[in-house]
Amino acid sequence: MKKSAFLNKHKIAEGDIIELSVGNDLLIGTIVPSKSDSLIALKLNSGYNTEIDIKKIKSVKKKSKGKTVGKPKTAKVEEKKGLPSISILHTGGTIASRVNYKTGGVIAAFSADDLLTMFPELEEIANFESTLVSNIMSEDMNFAYYGKLVNAIEKEIKKGAKGIILGHGTDTLGYTAAALSFALENCPVPVMLVGAQRSSDRGSSDAAMNLICAAKFIAKTDFAGVAICMHHSTDDEICAVLPACKTRKMHTSRRDAFKAVNDSPIALVDYKSGKINFLKKNYAKKRGTFKAMPKFEEKVGLLKSHPSMKLIEIDFFRKNKYKGLVIEGTGLGHTTVTIKKFEDNIKAIKNLIKSGCVVCMTSQCLFGSVHPSIYTNIRKLSEIGVVYCKDLLPETAFVKLAWLLANYKKSEVAELMGQNLRGEINERISMDSFPPKEE
């Protein structure tokens, strides 16, 4: 039986909440569009989607008719004397999303002004101005958008904002945080990237707490620079302010998905009391002359090393005239080059470097550091000019390389990749930092 016939038979439609008996399981959820005409897709109460073969369904019970989501009325925001000014820049993502119960999907549906309406607690912390910079999901972010964000942030800084909150989808939030950190040289105000693992209209959403803690941190501290503010644990108690270039999304769906790698949080913000506990005493403050550098080189690649890696994978970057490549190597910075079957790989890397491409090495281990002189294949790679990037996260190395190639002479790039410019390299990694400990 096809899906349309199945829906007609049981007098149900997309958007309806139903109960299905499948084998020994009882599933309750909203009917959402499915990939195949032989499947019924449900958005379960957990928020996750599942698809069921129509042939395996024993019984169907309609629980309720589908409902739609209306847009809340936007409240009028009035300026309060004595409070600092914070700008909210909106880019889309889950923090500005709601569930469309007609389709069961998560959609971007709120303007930046809506966030203030949804979270009235923000109005007691600061005066807010909001701007819709773009409305895209984080997986669609690219170097051109980074430049757009840099220009928008520079504009708010010149207007006198005490700080900036950037709402961003979580999947590539770490890339954007690193990119902004490099592009905003001597940033004079806090720029806090905030996301949400669960959409703003769900009871388990982390959006409100992340936004409010970011606002409190901006209003109460003298921190200056780019950082990330997300849940510190799965509880609604504390948010962590995390270093922009050393933080990674480590879980697909947990609210405390973001963790510092080879580093620690900058500070912890207590959601209820507003108390801020700095874990780093030498955190960034206003210094030097602010300069926005929004350019990024587009022809930069990121390649993950793996067993049986082929010559063609490396040679792609030479044939397509890439200017930079980050290899996410194994362990201390390995890739397949030593056994006879794969000896052409090192020739390909050497030819890629000769073509003018800057080739850098990081580790997919994440914790720890690569090293240019341990083991045979590492020494071979180092000798032909591969730049070993210490404990740089692969995604941070990727955006750093793109930024350097667009703003510095090529002769300077290799040396700068190994220098700590924005807290992206930790020269003193303690063996005690792994496994990561809860603060």
Protein backbone atom coordinates (compact mmCIF):
# COMPACT_ATOMS: atom_id res chain seq x y z
CA MET A 1 0.00 0.00 0.00
CA LYS A 2 1.24 3.46 -0.91
CA LYS A 3 1.43 6.28 1.61
CA SER A 4 -1.46 8.28 0.11
CA ALA A 5 -3.76 5.27 0.23
CA PHE A 6 -2.66 4.49 3.79
CA LEU A 7 -3.45 8.05 4.94
CA ASN A 8 -6.85 8.02 3.22
CA LYS A 9 -7.75 4.63 4.65
CA HIS A 10 -7.12 5.74 8.23
CA LYS A 11 -8.43 9.30 7.69
CA ILE A 12 -5.16 10.90 8.79
CA ALA A 13 -2.90 13.54 7.23
CA GLU A 14 0.55 15.09 7.57
CA GLY A 15 0.60 17.14 10.75
CA ASP A 16 -1.73 14.78 12.66
CA ILE A 17 -0.49 13.16 15.87
CA ILE A 18 -0.97 9.40 15.70
CA GLU A 19 -0.18 6.21 17.60
CA LEU A 20 1.30 3.30 15.63
CA SER A 21 1.70 -0.31 16.68
CA VAL A 22 4.83 -1.74 15.03
CA GLY A 23 5.94 -5.18 16.19
CA ASN A 24 6.15 -4.93 19.98
CA ASP A 25 6.60 -1.16 19.91
CA LEU A 26 4.06 1.63 20.30
CA LEU A 27 5.13 4.85 18.57
CA ILE A 28 3.49 8.25 19.08
CA GLY A 29 4.38 11.24 16.96
CA THR A 30 3.49 13.78 14.29
CA ILE A 31 3.22 12.61 10.68
CA VAL A 32 5.87 14.39 8.63
CA PRO A 33 6.90 14.15 4.96
CA SER A 34 8.72 10.88 4.18
CA LYS A 35 11.44 10.09 1.65
CA SER A 36 9.57 7.15 0.14
CA ASP A 37 5.93 6.48 -0.76
CA SER A 38 6.21 3.14 1.07
CA LEU A 39 7.16 4.76 4.39
CA ILE A 40 5.40 6.73 7.13
CA ALA A 41 7.64 9.27 8.86
CA LEU A 42 6.99 10.44 12.41
CA LYS A 43 8.48 13.22 14.50
CA LEU A 44 8.54 11.63 17.95
CA ASN A 45 8.04 13.50 21.22
CA SER A 46 11.82 13.36 21.71
CA GLY A 47 12.18 15.65 18.69
CA TYR A 48 13.79 12.99 16.50
CA ASN A 49 12.32 11.63 13.26
CA THR A 50 11.78 7.96 12.41
CA GLU A 51 10.46 6.20 9.30
CA ILE A 52 8.34 3.02 9.37
CA ASP A 53 7.63 0.60 6.55
CA ILE A 54 3.85 0.71 5.99
CA LYS A 55 3.78 -3.11 5.66
CA LYS A 56 5.01 -3.48 9.27
CA ILE A 57 2.31 -1.29 10.82
CA LYS A 58 -0.23 -3.38 12.77
CA SER A 59 -2.63 -0.64 13.86
CA VAL A 60 -3.19 3.11 13.67
CA LYS A 61 -4.89 5.43 16.14
CA LYS A 62 -5.37 9.14 15.56
CA LYS A 63 -4.57 11.08 18.73
CA SER A 64 -5.25 14.62 17.56
CA LYS A 65 -5.53 16.76 14.47
CA GLY A 66 -2.49 18.63 13.22
CA LYS A 67 -1.88 22.11 14.57
CA THR A 68 -0.08 25.10 13.16
CA VAL A 69 2.23 27.52 14.88
CA GLY A 70 1.37 31.19 14.89
CA LYS A 71 3.93 33.95 15.19
CA PRO A 72 3.83 35.66 18.59
CA LYS A 73 3.03 39.35 18.73
CA THR A 74 6.21 41.38 18.99
CA ALA A 75 6.40 43.41 22.17
CA LYS A 76 7.46 47.04 22.09
CA VAL A 77 10.97 47.34 23.51
CA GLU A 78 11.66 50.55 25.40
CA GLU A 79 15.14 51.85 26.24
CA LYS A 80 16.08 51.84 29.93
CA LYS A 81 18.52 54.42 31.26
CA GLY A 82 21.69 53.17 32.91
CA LEU A 83 21.80 49.85 31.10
CA PRO A 84 24.53 48.99 28.57
CA SER A 85 23.75 48.59 24.87
CA ILE A 86 24.05 45.11 23.38
CA SER A 87 23.52 44.30 19.71
CA ILE A 88 21.99 41.00 18.62
CA LEU A 89 22.96 39.88 15.13
CA HIS A 90 20.81 37.10 13.78
CA THR A 91 21.98 34.45 11.26
CA GLY A 92 19.37 31.70 11.66
CA GLY A 93 19.96 28.22 13.05
CA THR A 94 18.15 26.34 15.82
CA ILE A 95 18.39 29.21 18.30
CA ALA A 96 15.99 31.14 16.05
CA SER A 97 13.88 28.17 14.97
CA ARG A 98 10.56 26.69 15.89
CA VAL A 99 8.87 23.41 15.08
CA ASN A 100 6.34 23.64 12.26
CA TYR A 101 3.77 21.15 13.48
CA LYS A 102 2.12 20.97 10.07
CA THR A 103 5.24 19.44 8.52
CA GLY A 104 7.01 18.35 11.69
CA GLY A 105 10.20 20.04 10.54
CA VAL A 106 12.37 22.60 12.28
CA ILE A 107 12.26 25.90 10.39
CA ALA A 108 13.86 29.31 10.81
CA ALA A 109 10.91 31.54 11.66
CA PHE A 110 11.97 34.27 14.09
CA SER A 111 13.46 37.65 13.37
CA ALA A 112 16.00 39.01 15.84
CA ASP A 113 13.28 41.20 17.42
CA ASP A 114 11.27 38.06 18.12
CA LEU A 115 14.09 36.79 20.35
CA LEU A 116 13.61 39.76 22.67
CA THR A 117 9.88 39.09 22.75
CA MET A 118 10.41 35.43 23.55
CA PHE A 119 12.98 36.09 26.26
CA PRO A 120 11.82 39.20 28.19
CA GLU A 121 14.48 38.59 30.89
CA LEU A 122 16.98 40.10 28.48
CA GLU A 123 15.40 43.54 28.90
CA GLU A 124 16.49 43.67 32.57
CA ILE A 125 20.13 43.14 31.59
CA ALA A 126 20.71 45.64 28.79
CA ASN A 127 19.18 47.71 26.02
CA PHE A 128 19.12 45.68 22.81
CA GLU A 129 19.24 46.48 19.14
CA SER A 130 18.73 43.65 16.70
CA THR A 131 19.70 43.14 13.07
CA LEU A 132 18.93 40.31 10.67
CA VAL A 133 22.27 39.73 8.92
CA SER A 134 21.15 36.56 7.16
CA ASN A 135 18.73 33.71 7.68
CA ILE A 136 20.54 30.51 6.79
CA MET A 137 21.33 27.25 8.50
CA SER A 138 24.91 26.90 9.72
CA GLU A 139 25.85 24.22 7.19
CA ASP A 140 25.37 26.85 4.47
CA MET A 141 27.92 29.24 6.03
CA ASN A 142 30.91 30.11 3.84
CA PHE A 143 33.85 32.51 3.65
CA ALA A 144 31.77 35.22 1.98
CA TYR A 145 29.29 35.15 4.88
CA TYR A 146 32.19 35.42 7.36
CA GLY A 147 33.15 38.67 5.67
CA LYS A 148 29.54 39.85 5.88
CA LEU A 149 29.45 39.07 9.60
CA VAL A 150 32.74 40.90 10.20
CA ASN A 151 31.38 44.01 8.49
CA ALA A 152 28.14 43.84 10.51
CA ILE A 153 30.06 43.49 13.77
CA GLU A 154 32.38 46.38 12.88
CA LYS A 155 29.31 48.54 12.24
CA GLU A 156 27.86 47.75 15.69
CA ILE A 157 31.21 48.44 17.38
CA LYS A 158 31.41 51.86 15.70
CA LYS A 159 27.86 52.59 16.90
CA GLY A 160 29.08 52.13 20.48
CA ALA A 161 27.70 48.73 21.45
CA LYS A 162 29.03 47.36 24.78
CA GLY A 163 28.98 43.92 23.23
CA ILE A 164 27.49 41.76 20.51
CA ILE A 165 25.55 38.50 20.60
CA LEU A 166 25.65 36.51 17.38
CA GLY A 167 22.91 33.89 17.07
CA HIS A 168 24.27 30.99 15.03
CA GLY A 169 23.42 27.40 14.15
CA THR A 170 25.50 24.98 16.20
CA ASP A 171 26.86 22.65 13.52
CA THR A 172 29.47 25.08 12.17
CA LEU A 173 29.48 27.55 15.06
CA GLY A 174 33.06 26.59 15.94
CA TYR A 175 34.29 27.45 12.44
CA THR A 176 32.62 30.87 12.55
CA ALA A 177 33.93 31.62 16.04
CA ALA A 178 37.49 30.93 14.91
CA ALA A 179 37.04 32.90 11.69
CA LEU A 180 35.73 35.98 13.54
CA SER A 181 38.50 35.70 16.11
CA PHE A 182 41.13 36.09 13.39
CA ALA A 183 39.23 38.67 11.34
CA LEU A 184 38.50 41.00 14.31
CA GLU A 185 42.02 42.04 15.32
CA ASN A 186 42.17 43.61 18.80
CA CYS A 187 38.40 43.39 19.08
CA PRO A 188 37.46 46.03 21.71
CA VAL A 189 34.18 44.46 22.87
CA PRO A 190 32.89 40.96 23.67
CA VAL A 191 31.45 39.14 20.66
CA MET A 192 29.54 36.13 21.96
CA LEU A 193 28.45 33.35 19.61
CA VAL A 194 25.33 31.68 20.97
CA GLY A 195 23.46 28.67 19.62
CA ALA A 196 20.81 26.21 20.70
CA GLN A 197 20.63 22.46 20.35
CA ARG A 198 16.83 22.53 20.61
CA SER A 199 14.44 24.99 18.99
CA SER A 200 13.23 27.95 20.97
CA ASP A 201 9.60 26.84 21.33
CA ARG A 202 10.43 23.43 22.87
CA GLY A 203 10.23 23.00 26.64
CA SER A 204 13.74 21.52 26.71
CA SER A 205 15.24 24.35 24.66
CA ASP A 206 18.61 25.72 25.77
CA ALA A 207 18.16 28.95 23.78
CA ALA A 208 16.93 31.20 26.59
CA MET A 209 19.63 30.25 29.08
CA ASN A 210 22.44 30.55 26.55
CA LEU A 211 21.26 34.00 25.42
CA ILE A 212 20.67 35.33 28.92
CA CYS A 213 24.03 34.08 30.23
CA ALA A 214 25.81 35.64 27.24
CA ALA A 215 24.07 38.97 27.91
CA LYS A 216 24.97 38.87 31.62
CA PHE A 217 28.60 38.12 30.77
CA ILE A 218 28.78 41.06 28.37
CA ALA A 219 27.07 43.46 30.78
CA LYS A 220 29.13 42.56 33.86
CA THR A 221 32.69 41.97 32.64
CA ASP A 222 35.59 43.71 30.90
CA PHE A 223 36.26 40.77 28.57
CA ALA A 224 37.02 41.81 24.98
CA GLY A 225 37.21 39.46 22.00
CA VAL A 226 35.34 36.54 20.50
CA ALA A 227 33.96 33.67 22.60
CA ILE A 228 31.21 31.03 22.64
CA CYS A 229 28.48 30.81 25.30
CA MET A 230 26.67 27.46 25.63
CA HIS A 231 25.41 25.06 28.31
CA HIS A 232 28.18 23.73 30.58
CA SER A 233 26.20 20.60 31.47
CA THR A 234 22.82 19.12 30.63
CA ASP A 235 21.33 20.91 33.66
CA ASP A 236 19.85 24.41 33.45
CA GLU A 237 22.33 25.88 35.91
CA ILE A 238 25.58 27.08 34.36
CA CYS A 239 26.79 28.26 30.95
CA ALA A 240 30.42 28.09 29.90
CA VAL A 241 32.15 30.95 28.10
CA LEU A 242 34.48 29.06 25.78
CA PRO A 243 37.58 30.13 23.77
CA ALA A 244 36.69 30.82 20.14
CA CYS A 245 39.61 28.95 18.56
CA LYS A 246 39.81 25.96 20.93
CA THR A 247 36.19 24.83 21.10
CA ARG A 248 34.45 22.04 19.24
CA LYS A 249 30.95 20.61 19.00
CA MET A 250 31.48 17.15 20.50
CA HIS A 251 27.94 15.74 20.49
CA THR A 252 25.14 15.82 17.94
CA SER A 253 22.29 16.66 20.32
CA ARG A 254 23.32 17.14 23.98
CA ARG A 255 22.83 20.66 25.30
CA ASP A 256 26.43 20.66 26.61
CA ALA A 257 27.83 19.61 23.24
CA PHE A 258 30.54 22.29 23.10
CA LYS A 259 33.82 21.60 24.89
CA ALA A 260 37.22 23.28 24.99
CA VAL A 261 40.01 21.10 23.54
CA ASN A 262 43.52 21.38 25.03
CA ASP A 263 42.15 24.33 26.95
CA SER A 264 39.57 25.30 29.56
CA PRO A 265 36.51 27.55 29.59
CA ILE A 266 37.25 31.25 30.05
CA ALA A 267 34.49 31.61 32.65
CA LEU A 268 31.33 30.02 34.03
CA VAL A 269 28.07 31.99 34.30
CA ASP A 270 25.48 30.97 36.90
CA TYR A 271 22.11 31.29 35.18
CA LYS A 272 20.00 32.00 38.29
CA SER A 273 22.33 34.20 40.33
CA GLY A 274 24.20 35.82 37.46
CA LYS A 275 27.51 35.20 39.25
CA ILE A 276 30.51 34.95 36.94
CA ASN A 277 33.49 32.79 37.84
CA PHE A 278 36.56 33.43 35.69
CA LEU A 279 38.64 30.27 35.27
CA LYS A 280 41.26 32.19 33.28
CA LYS A 281 42.76 35.16 35.06
CA ASN A 282 44.65 36.35 31.96
CA TYR A 283 41.56 36.54 29.76
CA ALA A 284 41.48 38.95 26.81
CA LYS A 285 40.73 42.61 27.50
CA LYS A 286 40.63 45.72 25.33
CA ARG A 287 44.07 46.40 23.89
CA GLY A 288 45.70 47.74 20.75
CA THR A 289 44.05 49.28 17.70
CA PHE A 290 40.96 47.54 16.40
CA LYS A 291 41.12 46.42 12.79
CA ALA A 292 38.53 44.44 10.81
CA MET A 293 40.11 42.08 8.27
CA PRO A 294 37.15 40.34 6.57
CA LYS A 295 38.87 38.65 3.62
CA PHE A 296 39.28 34.86 3.37
CA GLU A 297 40.91 32.88 0.55
CA GLU A 298 38.30 30.61 -1.05
CA LYS A 299 40.69 28.00 -2.49
CA VAL A 300 41.60 26.29 0.78
CA GLY A 301 40.80 22.65 1.48
CA LEU A 302 40.50 20.26 4.43
CA LEU A 303 41.44 16.61 3.82
CA LYS A 304 41.03 13.78 6.34
CA SER A 305 43.80 11.17 6.24
CA HIS A 306 42.63 7.56 6.30
CA PRO A 307 43.91 4.02 5.61
CA SER A 308 44.36 3.28 1.89
CA MET A 309 44.35 6.99 1.03
CA LYS A 310 44.77 7.43 -2.73
CA LEU A 311 47.00 9.66 -4.85
CA ILE A 312 43.96 11.08 -6.65
CA GLU A 313 42.62 12.55 -3.37
CA ILE A 314 45.76 14.63 -2.89
CA ASP A 315 46.28 15.47 -6.55
CA PHE A 316 42.80 17.03 -6.75
CA PHE A 317 44.07 20.11 -4.93
CA ARG A 318 47.01 20.62 -7.32
CA LYS A 319 44.89 20.15 -10.44
CA ASN A 320 42.34 22.64 -9.16
CA LYS A 321 45.02 25.18 -8.15
CA TYR A 322 44.27 25.34 -4.43
CA LYS A 323 46.34 27.83 -2.44
CA GLY A 324 46.09 26.05 0.91
CA LEU A 325 45.35 22.59 2.28
CA VAL A 326 44.98 21.33 5.85
CA ILE A 327 45.51 17.60 6.27
CA GLU A 328 43.76 16.12 9.28
CA GLY A 329 46.38 13.46 9.95
CA THR A 330 46.36 10.50 12.30
CA GLY A 331 48.15 10.53 15.66
CA LEU A 332 51.12 12.88 15.75
CA GLY A 333 50.54 13.96 12.13
CA HIS A 334 50.74 10.91 9.89
CA THR A 335 49.34 10.11 6.48
CA THR A 336 49.92 7.16 4.14
CA VAL A 337 53.27 7.75 2.36
CA THR A 338 55.83 5.11 3.36
CA ILE A 339 54.83 1.71 1.97
CA LYS A 340 55.60 1.08 -1.71
CA LYS A 341 51.96 0.98 -2.82
CA PHE A 342 51.45 4.54 -1.57
CA GLU A 343 54.87 6.12 -2.26
CA ASP A 344 53.25 8.30 -4.93
CA ASN A 345 51.33 10.08 -2.17
CA ILE A 346 54.40 11.89 -0.90
CA LYS A 347 55.31 12.84 -4.47
CA ALA A 348 51.81 14.25 -4.87
CA ILE A 349 52.14 16.31 -1.68
CA LYS A 350 55.58 17.52 -2.77
CA ASN A 351 54.22 18.56 -6.20
CA LEU A 352 51.28 20.26 -4.50
CA ILE A 353 53.68 22.35 -2.39
CA LYS A 354 55.80 23.12 -5.48
CA SER A 355 52.66 24.40 -7.21
CA GLY A 356 52.42 27.13 -4.55
CA CYS A 357 49.96 25.51 -2.16
CA VAL A 358 50.66 25.83 1.58
CA VAL A 359 50.11 22.37 3.10
CA CYS A 360 49.53 22.11 6.85
CA MET A 361 49.20 19.14 9.19
CA THR A 362 46.87 18.77 12.20
CA SER A 363 45.65 15.72 14.11
CA GLN A 364 42.24 14.09 14.08
CA CYS A 365 42.97 12.98 17.65
CA LEU A 366 42.11 16.58 18.68
CA PHE A 367 43.71 16.32 22.13
CA GLY A 368 47.50 16.59 22.14
CA SER A 369 49.79 18.04 19.48
CA VAL A 370 51.34 17.03 16.15
CA HIS A 371 55.14 16.81 15.95
CA PRO A 372 57.35 17.32 12.86
CA SER A 373 60.19 14.90 13.67
CA ILE A 374 58.81 11.71 15.24
CA TYR A 375 58.55 8.56 13.06
CA THR A 376 59.72 8.12 9.46
CA ASN A 377 56.72 9.30 7.47
CA ILE A 378 56.32 12.42 9.63
CA ARG A 379 59.97 13.37 9.01
CA LYS A 380 59.49 12.81 5.27
CA LEU A 381 56.46 15.10 5.23
CA SER A 382 58.22 17.77 7.29
CA GLU A 383 61.30 17.64 5.04
CA ILE A 384 59.29 18.37 1.88
CA GLY A 385 57.67 21.43 3.48
CA VAL A 386 54.48 20.30 5.24
CA VAL A 387 53.79 22.77 8.06
CA TYR A 388 53.07 21.07 11.41
CA CYS A 389 50.50 23.10 13.32
CA LYS A 390 51.07 22.02 16.93
CA ASP A 391 47.68 21.59 18.69
CA LEU A 392 45.56 23.59 16.25
CA LEU A 393 42.10 22.09 15.80
CA PRO A 394 41.63 21.03 12.14
CA GLU A 395 38.71 23.43 11.59
CA THR A 396 40.59 26.29 13.26
CA ALA A 397 43.64 25.58 11.09
CA PHE A 398 41.35 25.59 8.04
CA VAL A 399 39.89 29.06 8.67
CA LYS A 400 43.21 30.44 9.93
CA LEU A 401 44.97 29.35 6.74
CA ALA A 402 42.20 30.86 4.59
CA TRP A 403 42.43 34.13 6.52
CA LEU A 404 46.24 34.32 6.42
CA LEU A 405 46.39 33.65 2.68
CA ALA A 406 43.94 36.49 2.05
CA ASN A 407 45.67 39.04 4.28
CA TYR A 408 49.42 38.24 4.35
CA LYS A 409 52.21 37.53 1.90
CA LYS A 410 52.55 33.85 1.06
CA SER A 411 56.13 33.92 2.39
CA GLU A 412 54.75 34.80 5.84
CA VAL A 413 51.91 32.29 6.01
CA ALA A 414 53.82 29.11 6.93
CA GLU A 415 55.53 30.82 9.87
CA LEU A 416 52.31 32.47 11.09
CA MET A 417 50.47 29.13 11.03
CA GLY A 418 52.76 27.98 13.84
CA GLN A 419 52.39 31.18 15.89
CA ASN A 420 49.73 31.76 18.52
CA LEU A 421 47.76 34.78 17.25
CA ARG A 422 44.37 34.44 18.97
CA GLY A 423 44.81 31.77 21.62
CA GLU A 424 44.52 29.02 19.01
CA ILE A 425 47.77 27.30 20.01
CA ASN A 426 48.58 26.03 23.48
CA GLU A 427 52.34 25.70 23.87
CA ARG A 428 51.97 24.00 27.27
CA ILE A 429 49.55 21.11 27.04
CA SER A 430 49.30 19.26 30.32
CA MET A 431 48.96 15.47 30.26
CA ASP A 432 46.39 15.98 33.01
CA SER A 433 44.05 17.79 30.62
CA PHE A 434 42.87 14.46 29.19
CA PRO A 435 40.29 13.16 29.62
CA PRO A 436 38.50 16.52 29.93
CA LYS A 437 37.36 17.24 33.48
CA GLU A 438 34.18 19.01 34.51
CA GLU A 439 34.91 22.31 36.25
